[in-house]
Amino acid sequence: MPKDFSRSDRVAQQIQRELAELLQMEIKDPRLGFVTLTGVEVSRDMSHAKVFYTVLNGDGEETRRILQRSAGFLRSELSRRIKLFKMPELHFDYDHSVERGLSLDKLIDEAVKTRAADDDSEAQ
């Protein structure tokens, strides 16, 4: 049975779409690398939105500071694009899951190579 999306889930998806566009088109800070928004969680009372991001070839902490400094501007732009009674406060968190996934992939590849090498040495 499919899960019914709550209002906060729908708002989170809309915020993610609009924020991605705003970051691409409106934020001109050269220190801000290639940022990918991986998800948004909106609190049930719609007062806070946790925005998860990753960065390609950049510093996640520096990016967080830049995003947090831009939060007021981003929030006001979001309020023009999304009609809500109150726009949630934006909080940015670096998403480590991509790095963890790449690390696990590397470990799996190493284990497969080691296993293949062991199998080859046993066959001889």
C-alpha atoms as a PDB file:
ATOM      1  CA  MET A   1       0.000   0.000   0.000  1.00  0.00           C
ATOM      2  CA  PRO A   2       1.568   3.321  -1.015  1.00  0.00           C
ATOM      3  CA  LYS A   3       2.349   5.803   1.721  1.00  0.00           C
ATOM      4  CA  ASP A   4       0.275   8.971   1.641  1.00  0.00           C
ATOM      5  CA  PHE A   5       2.543  11.978   1.474  1.00  0.00           C
ATOM      6  CA  SER A   6       1.960  14.392   4.301  1.00  0.00           C
ATOM      7  CA  ARG A   7       1.769  18.105   3.722  1.00  0.00           C
ATOM      8  CA  SER A   8       5.241  18.538   5.218  1.00  0.00           C
ATOM      9  CA  ASP A   9       6.618  15.985   2.703  1.00  0.00           C
ATOM     10  CA  ARG A  10       5.080  17.888  -0.206  1.00  0.00           C
ATOM     11  CA  VAL A  11       6.377  21.202   1.128  1.00  0.00           C
ATOM     12  CA  ALA A  12       9.849  19.649   1.588  1.00  0.00           C
ATOM     13  CA  GLN A  13       9.907  18.489  -2.040  1.00  0.00           C
ATOM     14  CA  GLN A  14       8.834  21.911  -3.280  1.00  0.00           C
ATOM     15  CA  ILE A  15      11.438  23.653  -1.112  1.00  0.00           C
ATOM     16  CA  GLN A  16      14.143  21.339  -2.472  1.00  0.00           C
ATOM     17  CA  ARG A  17      13.191  22.070  -6.094  1.00  0.00           C
ATOM     18  CA  GLU A  18      13.013  25.827  -5.584  1.00  0.00           C
ATOM     19  CA  LEU A  19      16.203  26.009  -3.489  1.00  0.00           C
ATOM     20  CA  ALA A  20      18.144  24.071  -6.121  1.00  0.00           C
ATOM     21  CA  GLU A  21      17.088  26.606  -8.724  1.00  0.00           C
ATOM     22  CA  LEU A  22      17.857  29.558  -6.447  1.00  0.00           C
ATOM     23  CA  LEU A  23      21.329  28.232  -5.649  1.00  0.00           C
ATOM     24  CA  GLN A  24      22.052  27.775  -9.328  1.00  0.00           C
ATOM     25  CA  MET A  25      20.679  31.094 -10.532  1.00  0.00           C
ATOM     26  CA  GLU A  26      20.868  33.582  -7.649  1.00  0.00           C
ATOM     27  CA  ILE A  27      23.784  32.809  -5.326  1.00  0.00           C
ATOM     28  CA  LYS A  28      26.914  34.204  -6.956  1.00  0.00           C
ATOM     29  CA  ASP A  29      29.517  33.409  -4.289  1.00  0.00           C
ATOM     30  CA  PRO A  30      32.548  31.968  -6.147  1.00  0.00           C
ATOM     31  CA  ARG A  31      33.540  29.934  -3.062  1.00  0.00           C
ATOM     32  CA  LEU A  32      30.305  28.006  -3.348  1.00  0.00           C
ATOM     33  CA  GLY A  33      31.254  24.930  -5.330  1.00  0.00           C
ATOM     34  CA  PHE A  34      28.948  22.565  -7.128  1.00  0.00           C
ATOM     35  CA  VAL A  35      26.249  21.980  -4.488  1.00  0.00           C
ATOM     36  CA  THR A  36      23.701  19.190  -4.761  1.00  0.00           C
ATOM     37  CA  LEU A  37      20.674  19.191  -2.498  1.00  0.00           C
ATOM     38  CA  THR A  38      20.060  15.606  -1.445  1.00  0.00           C
ATOM     39  CA  GLY A  39      16.958  16.134   0.644  1.00  0.00           C
ATOM     40  CA  VAL A  40      14.846  18.414   2.783  1.00  0.00           C
ATOM     41  CA  GLU A  41      13.018  17.548   5.994  1.00  0.00           C
ATOM     42  CA  VAL A  42      10.342  19.935   7.205  1.00  0.00           C
ATOM     43  CA  SER A  43       9.193  19.791  10.808  1.00  0.00           C
ATOM     44  CA  ARG A  44       5.591  18.815  11.388  1.00  0.00           C
ATOM     45  CA  ASP A  45       4.703  22.349  12.516  1.00  0.00           C
ATOM     46  CA  MET A  46       6.404  23.776   9.371  1.00  0.00           C
ATOM     47  CA  SER A  47       8.676  26.055  11.411  1.00  0.00           C
ATOM     48  CA  HIS A  48      12.023  24.492  10.440  1.00  0.00           C
ATOM     49  CA  ALA A  49      13.457  22.911   7.310  1.00  0.00           C
ATOM     50  CA  LYS A  50      16.632  20.856   7.442  1.00  0.00           C
ATOM     51  CA  VAL A  51      18.332  20.993   4.034  1.00  0.00           C
ATOM     52  CA  PHE A  52      20.844  18.228   3.267  1.00  0.00           C
ATOM     53  CA  TYR A  53      23.532  18.875   0.672  1.00  0.00           C
ATOM     54  CA  THR A  54      26.731  17.477  -0.786  1.00  0.00           C
ATOM     55  CA  VAL A  55      29.522  19.343  -2.500  1.00  0.00           C
ATOM     56  CA  LEU A  56      31.692  18.253  -5.395  1.00  0.00           C
ATOM     57  CA  ASN A  57      35.332  19.323  -5.082  1.00  0.00           C
ATOM     58  CA  GLY A  58      34.779  21.644  -2.171  1.00  0.00           C
ATOM     59  CA  ASP A  59      34.743  22.065   1.560  1.00  0.00           C
ATOM     60  CA  GLY A  60      31.467  20.977   3.159  1.00  0.00           C
ATOM     61  CA  GLU A  61      31.931  23.179   6.233  1.00  0.00           C
ATOM     62  CA  GLU A  62      32.783  26.300   4.220  1.00  0.00           C
ATOM     63  CA  THR A  63      29.767  25.600   2.009  1.00  0.00           C
ATOM     64  CA  ARG A  64      27.561  25.293   5.105  1.00  0.00           C
ATOM     65  CA  ARG A  65      28.730  28.697   6.337  1.00  0.00           C
ATOM     66  CA  ILE A  66      28.003  30.282   2.944  1.00  0.00           C
ATOM     67  CA  LEU A  67      24.569  28.645   2.757  1.00  0.00           C
ATOM     68  CA  GLN A  68      23.719  29.628   6.324  1.00  0.00           C
ATOM     69  CA  ARG A  69      24.733  33.240   5.605  1.00  0.00           C
ATOM     70  CA  SER A  70      22.451  33.148   2.543  1.00  0.00           C
ATOM     71  CA  ALA A  71      19.559  31.574   4.464  1.00  0.00           C
ATOM     72  CA  GLY A  72      17.651  34.842   4.973  1.00  0.00           C
ATOM     73  CA  PHE A  73      17.809  35.724   1.291  1.00  0.00           C
ATOM     74  CA  LEU A  74      16.910  32.165   0.260  1.00  0.00           C
ATOM     75  CA  ARG A  75      13.992  32.085   2.693  1.00  0.00           C
ATOM     76  CA  SER A  76      12.584  35.379   1.406  1.00  0.00           C
ATOM     77  CA  GLU A  77      12.918  34.191  -2.206  1.00  0.00           C
ATOM     78  CA  LEU A  78      11.218  30.918  -1.304  1.00  0.00           C
ATOM     79  CA  SER A  79       8.334  32.836   0.267  1.00  0.00           C
ATOM     80  CA  ARG A  80       7.782  34.579  -3.074  1.00  0.00           C
ATOM     81  CA  ARG A  81       7.702  31.251  -4.925  1.00  0.00           C
ATOM     82  CA  ILE A  82       5.842  29.051  -2.447  1.00  0.00           C
ATOM     83  CA  LYS A  83       2.673  30.273  -0.815  1.00  0.00           C
ATOM     84  CA  LEU A  84       2.796  29.258   2.837  1.00  0.00           C
ATOM     85  CA  PHE A  85       1.461  30.992   5.923  1.00  0.00           C
ATOM     86  CA  LYS A  86       4.985  30.954   7.353  1.00  0.00           C
ATOM     87  CA  MET A  87       8.142  29.947   5.500  1.00  0.00           C
ATOM     88  CA  PRO A  88      10.246  27.527   7.586  1.00  0.00           C
ATOM     89  CA  GLU A  89      13.650  28.597   8.886  1.00  0.00           C
ATOM     90  CA  LEU A  90      16.390  26.962   6.830  1.00  0.00           C
ATOM     91  CA  HIS A  91      19.114  24.864   8.452  1.00  0.00           C
ATOM     92  CA  PHE A  92      21.845  23.333   6.296  1.00  0.00           C
ATOM     93  CA  ASP A  93      23.474  19.966   7.088  1.00  0.00           C
ATOM     94  CA  TYR A  94      26.199  18.275   5.088  1.00  0.00           C
ATOM     95  CA  ASP A  95      25.044  14.856   3.853  1.00  0.00           C
ATOM     96  CA  HIS A  96      27.800  12.329   4.553  1.00  0.00           C
ATOM     97  CA  SER A  97      25.877   9.418   3.004  1.00  0.00           C
ATOM     98  CA  VAL A  98      27.419   9.930  -0.447  1.00  0.00           C
ATOM     99  CA  GLU A  99      30.943   9.805   0.998  1.00  0.00           C
ATOM    100  CA  ARG A 100      30.027   6.733   3.061  1.00  0.00           C
ATOM    101  CA  GLY A 101      28.616   5.052  -0.037  1.00  0.00           C
ATOM    102  CA  LEU A 102      31.771   5.746  -2.040  1.00  0.00           C
ATOM    103  CA  SER A 103      33.888   4.455   0.831  1.00  0.00           C
ATOM    104  CA  LEU A 104      31.826   1.262   1.040  1.00  0.00           C
ATOM    105  CA  ASP A 105      32.088   0.786  -2.739  1.00  0.00           C
ATOM    106  CA  LYS A 106      35.868   1.102  -2.492  1.00  0.00           C
ATOM    107  CA  LEU A 107      35.993  -1.432   0.363  1.00  0.00           C
ATOM    108  CA  ILE A 108      33.830  -3.885  -1.587  1.00  0.00           C
ATOM    109  CA  ASP A 109      36.021  -3.496  -4.682  1.00  0.00           C
ATOM    110  CA  GLU A 110      39.141  -4.153  -2.589  1.00  0.00           C
ATOM    111  CA  ALA A 111      37.546  -7.222  -1.005  1.00  0.00           C
ATOM    112  CA  VAL A 112      36.569  -8.599  -4.434  1.00  0.00           C
ATOM    113  CA  LYS A 113      40.098  -8.048  -5.764  1.00  0.00           C
ATOM    114  CA  THR A 114      41.610  -9.727  -2.675  1.00  0.00           C
ATOM    115  CA  ARG A 115      39.231 -12.659  -3.026  1.00  0.00           C
ATOM    116  CA  ALA A 116      40.045 -13.019  -6.720  1.00  0.00           C
ATOM    117  CA  ALA A 117      43.761 -12.907  -5.971  1.00  0.00           C
ATOM    118  CA  ASP A 118      43.334 -15.570  -3.246  1.00  0.00           C
ATOM    119  CA  ASP A 119      41.315 -17.751  -5.619  1.00  0.00           C
ATOM    120  CA  ASP A 120      44.018 -17.392  -8.307  1.00  0.00           C
ATOM    121  CA  SER A 121      46.817 -18.321  -5.893  1.00  0.00           C
ATOM    122  CA  GLU A 122      44.865 -21.401  -4.660  1.00  0.00           C
ATOM    123  CA  ALA A 123      44.287 -22.555  -8.254  1.00  0.00           C
ATOM    124  CA  GLN A 124      48.043 -22.631  -8.926  1.00  0.00           C
END
